[in-house]
Amino acid sequence: MKILLSILSGLLSGIISGMGIGGGTILIPALTLFLSVNQHTAQGVNLLYFLPTAAISLFVHIKNKSVNFKIAFPIMGLGVLGAVGGSLLALVLKAAFLKKLFGIFLFLMGFYEIFKKNKKNQKK
């Protein structure tokens, strides 16, 4: 059963990553809830998983001319700084606290998406 859950988690995460949403929204909860992986390990697996899926997705998006490099480069630089800070912070935080923070983040993003879509529908 764990092998099937691993395969489904990877497949769904890959599909979502290819769409540019972020496979970690599926992968991290699947690893922690269904496969009993601790939060630090789940985040590490997600980062390793991210490299090839992001490279392939980036190639496709560049090929389709849907990447604005003038916007992307400054964001990448600041993202690297944020990644260093975030990874150092994650090292000192307990796994249970990280799990709660990630859950709150997902909840807030879902809440934002619900209301963002309602605003678009009201304009039409």
C-alpha atoms as a PDB file:
ATOM      1  CA  MET A   1       0.000   0.000   0.000  1.00  0.00           C
ATOM      2  CA  LYS A   2       2.870   2.404   0.808  1.00  0.00           C
ATOM      3  CA  ILE A   3       4.363   1.829  -2.622  1.00  0.00           C
ATOM      4  CA  LEU A   4       1.052   2.700  -4.288  1.00  0.00           C
ATOM      5  CA  LEU A   5       0.719   5.857  -2.161  1.00  0.00           C
ATOM      6  CA  SER A   6       4.291   6.826  -3.058  1.00  0.00           C
ATOM      7  CA  ILE A   7       3.590   6.368  -6.771  1.00  0.00           C
ATOM      8  CA  LEU A   8       0.336   8.348  -6.624  1.00  0.00           C
ATOM      9  CA  SER A   9       1.959  11.122  -4.564  1.00  0.00           C
ATOM     10  CA  GLY A  10       4.815  11.436  -7.049  1.00  0.00           C
ATOM     11  CA  LEU A  11       2.488  11.419 -10.048  1.00  0.00           C
ATOM     12  CA  LEU A  12       0.087  14.030  -8.642  1.00  0.00           C
ATOM     13  CA  SER A  13       2.974  16.195  -7.438  1.00  0.00           C
ATOM     14  CA  GLY A  14       4.562  16.029 -10.878  1.00  0.00           C
ATOM     15  CA  ILE A  15       1.350  17.053 -12.610  1.00  0.00           C
ATOM     16  CA  ILE A  16       0.893  20.010 -10.275  1.00  0.00           C
ATOM     17  CA  SER A  17       4.577  20.987 -10.602  1.00  0.00           C
ATOM     18  CA  GLY A  18       4.275  20.975 -14.375  1.00  0.00           C
ATOM     19  CA  MET A  19       1.397  23.420 -14.063  1.00  0.00           C
ATOM     20  CA  GLY A  20       3.610  25.736 -11.994  1.00  0.00           C
ATOM     21  CA  ILE A  21       1.619  25.392  -8.778  1.00  0.00           C
ATOM     22  CA  GLY A  22       4.205  23.576  -6.669  1.00  0.00           C
ATOM     23  CA  GLY A  23       4.218  19.855  -6.105  1.00  0.00           C
ATOM     24  CA  GLY A  24       5.100  20.284  -2.442  1.00  0.00           C
ATOM     25  CA  THR A  25       1.475  21.137  -1.750  1.00  0.00           C
ATOM     26  CA  ILE A  26       0.705  17.487  -2.499  1.00  0.00           C
ATOM     27  CA  LEU A  27       4.003  15.785  -1.741  1.00  0.00           C
ATOM     28  CA  ILE A  28       4.689  17.082   1.780  1.00  0.00           C
ATOM     29  CA  PRO A  29       1.232  16.289   3.209  1.00  0.00           C
ATOM     30  CA  ALA A  30       1.256  12.882   1.482  1.00  0.00           C
ATOM     31  CA  LEU A  31       4.652  12.027   2.959  1.00  0.00           C
ATOM     32  CA  THR A  32       3.757  13.174   6.468  1.00  0.00           C
ATOM     33  CA  LEU A  33       0.162  11.956   6.675  1.00  0.00           C
ATOM     34  CA  PHE A  34       0.125   8.752   4.637  1.00  0.00           C
ATOM     35  CA  LEU A  35       3.736   7.576   4.714  1.00  0.00           C
ATOM     36  CA  SER A  36       4.629   8.655   8.290  1.00  0.00           C
ATOM     37  CA  VAL A  37       7.702  10.669   7.263  1.00  0.00           C
ATOM     38  CA  ASN A  38       8.738  13.439   9.672  1.00  0.00           C
ATOM     39  CA  GLN A  39       8.379  17.050   8.517  1.00  0.00           C
ATOM     40  CA  HIS A  40      12.118  17.756   8.092  1.00  0.00           C
ATOM     41  CA  THR A  41      12.591  14.658   5.922  1.00  0.00           C
ATOM     42  CA  ALA A  42       9.455  15.439   3.891  1.00  0.00           C
ATOM     43  CA  GLN A  43      10.754  18.922   3.167  1.00  0.00           C
ATOM     44  CA  GLY A  44      14.148  17.525   2.184  1.00  0.00           C
ATOM     45  CA  VAL A  45      12.560  14.958  -0.136  1.00  0.00           C
ATOM     46  CA  ASN A  46      10.446  17.735  -1.642  1.00  0.00           C
ATOM     47  CA  LEU A  47      13.527  19.845  -2.345  1.00  0.00           C
ATOM     48  CA  LEU A  48      15.319  16.941  -4.019  1.00  0.00           C
ATOM     49  CA  TYR A  49      12.172  16.050  -5.990  1.00  0.00           C
ATOM     50  CA  PHE A  50      11.828  19.691  -7.026  1.00  0.00           C
ATOM     51  CA  LEU A  51      15.102  19.863  -8.963  1.00  0.00           C
ATOM     52  CA  PRO A  52      14.314  17.592 -11.935  1.00  0.00           C
ATOM     53  CA  THR A  53      10.616  18.500 -12.080  1.00  0.00           C
ATOM     54  CA  ALA A  54      11.399  22.221 -12.044  1.00  0.00           C
ATOM     55  CA  ALA A  55      14.068  21.823 -14.719  1.00  0.00           C
ATOM     56  CA  ILE A  56      11.669  20.032 -17.053  1.00  0.00           C
ATOM     57  CA  SER A  57       8.841  22.472 -16.355  1.00  0.00           C
ATOM     58  CA  LEU A  58      11.161  25.436 -16.892  1.00  0.00           C
ATOM     59  CA  PHE A  59      12.343  24.025 -20.215  1.00  0.00           C
ATOM     60  CA  VAL A  60       8.753  23.642 -21.426  1.00  0.00           C
ATOM     61  CA  HIS A  61       7.738  27.129 -20.253  1.00  0.00           C
ATOM     62  CA  ILE A  62      10.797  28.753 -21.854  1.00  0.00           C
ATOM     63  CA  LYS A  63      10.109  26.849 -25.087  1.00  0.00           C
ATOM     64  CA  ASN A  64       6.533  28.198 -25.045  1.00  0.00           C
ATOM     65  CA  LYS A  65       7.862  31.736 -24.359  1.00  0.00           C
ATOM     66  CA  SER A  66       5.905  32.052 -21.121  1.00  0.00           C
ATOM     67  CA  VAL A  67       8.802  33.206 -18.931  1.00  0.00           C
ATOM     68  CA  ASN A  68       9.427  36.924 -18.402  1.00  0.00           C
ATOM     69  CA  PHE A  69      13.145  37.028 -17.594  1.00  0.00           C
ATOM     70  CA  LYS A  70      13.056  40.696 -16.510  1.00  0.00           C
ATOM     71  CA  ILE A  71      10.744  39.692 -13.689  1.00  0.00           C
ATOM     72  CA  ALA A  72      12.275  36.247 -13.073  1.00  0.00           C
ATOM     73  CA  PHE A  73      15.916  37.220 -12.401  1.00  0.00           C
ATOM     74  CA  PRO A  74      15.304  39.609  -9.470  1.00  0.00           C
ATOM     75  CA  ILE A  75      12.852  37.129  -7.954  1.00  0.00           C
ATOM     76  CA  MET A  76      15.404  34.320  -8.326  1.00  0.00           C
ATOM     77  CA  GLY A  77      18.072  36.298  -6.491  1.00  0.00           C
ATOM     78  CA  LEU A  78      15.783  37.147  -3.623  1.00  0.00           C
ATOM     79  CA  GLY A  79      14.481  33.573  -3.623  1.00  0.00           C
ATOM     80  CA  VAL A  80      18.016  32.260  -3.108  1.00  0.00           C
ATOM     81  CA  LEU A  81      18.471  34.593  -0.136  1.00  0.00           C
ATOM     82  CA  GLY A  82      15.115  33.521   1.264  1.00  0.00           C
ATOM     83  CA  ALA A  83      15.983  29.851   0.760  1.00  0.00           C
ATOM     84  CA  VAL A  84      19.200  30.226   2.746  1.00  0.00           C
ATOM     85  CA  GLY A  85      17.364  32.005   5.557  1.00  0.00           C
ATOM     86  CA  GLY A  86      14.456  29.582   5.510  1.00  0.00           C
ATOM     87  CA  SER A  87      16.653  26.499   5.554  1.00  0.00           C
ATOM     88  CA  LEU A  88      18.686  27.840   8.481  1.00  0.00           C
ATOM     89  CA  LEU A  89      15.461  28.615  10.307  1.00  0.00           C
ATOM     90  CA  ALA A  90      14.055  25.146   9.579  1.00  0.00           C
ATOM     91  CA  LEU A  91      17.130  23.592  11.164  1.00  0.00           C
ATOM     92  CA  VAL A  92      16.340  25.165  14.534  1.00  0.00           C
ATOM     93  CA  LEU A  93      12.561  24.655  14.501  1.00  0.00           C
ATOM     94  CA  LYS A  94      10.936  21.474  15.763  1.00  0.00           C
ATOM     95  CA  ALA A  95       9.238  19.206  13.220  1.00  0.00           C
ATOM     96  CA  ALA A  96       5.821  19.553  14.889  1.00  0.00           C
ATOM     97  CA  PHE A  97       6.018  23.342  14.660  1.00  0.00           C
ATOM     98  CA  LEU A  98       7.106  23.183  11.004  1.00  0.00           C
ATOM     99  CA  LYS A  99       4.162  20.909  10.268  1.00  0.00           C
ATOM    100  CA  LYS A 100       1.761  23.430  11.824  1.00  0.00           C
ATOM    101  CA  LEU A 101       3.342  26.331   9.922  1.00  0.00           C
ATOM    102  CA  PHE A 102       3.042  24.428   6.647  1.00  0.00           C
ATOM    103  CA  GLY A 103      -0.598  23.588   7.402  1.00  0.00           C
ATOM    104  CA  ILE A 104      -1.387  27.239   8.155  1.00  0.00           C
ATOM    105  CA  PHE A 105       0.365  28.269   4.943  1.00  0.00           C
ATOM    106  CA  LEU A 106      -1.680  25.807   2.875  1.00  0.00           C
ATOM    107  CA  PHE A 107      -4.898  26.927   4.566  1.00  0.00           C
ATOM    108  CA  LEU A 108      -4.176  30.616   3.908  1.00  0.00           C
ATOM    109  CA  MET A 109      -3.257  29.932   0.275  1.00  0.00           C
ATOM    110  CA  GLY A 110      -6.465  27.944  -0.222  1.00  0.00           C
ATOM    111  CA  PHE A 111      -8.486  30.698   1.418  1.00  0.00           C
ATOM    112  CA  TYR A 112      -6.809  33.273  -0.837  1.00  0.00           C
ATOM    113  CA  GLU A 113      -7.510  31.210  -3.953  1.00  0.00           C
ATOM    114  CA  ILE A 114     -11.200  30.852  -3.073  1.00  0.00           C
ATOM    115  CA  PHE A 115     -11.690  34.585  -2.729  1.00  0.00           C
ATOM    116  CA  LYS A 116      -9.451  35.446  -5.681  1.00  0.00           C
ATOM    117  CA  LYS A 117     -11.636  33.337  -7.950  1.00  0.00           C
ATOM    118  CA  ASN A 118     -14.815  34.931  -6.581  1.00  0.00           C
ATOM    119  CA  LYS A 119     -13.468  38.398  -7.407  1.00  0.00           C
ATOM    120  CA  LYS A 120     -12.769  37.323 -11.002  1.00  0.00           C
ATOM    121  CA  ASN A 121     -16.276  35.922 -11.378  1.00  0.00           C
ATOM    122  CA  GLN A 122     -17.856  39.124 -10.024  1.00  0.00           C
ATOM    123  CA  LYS A 123     -16.049  41.256 -12.648  1.00  0.00           C
ATOM    124  CA  LYS A 124     -17.597  39.235 -15.493  1.00  0.00           C
END
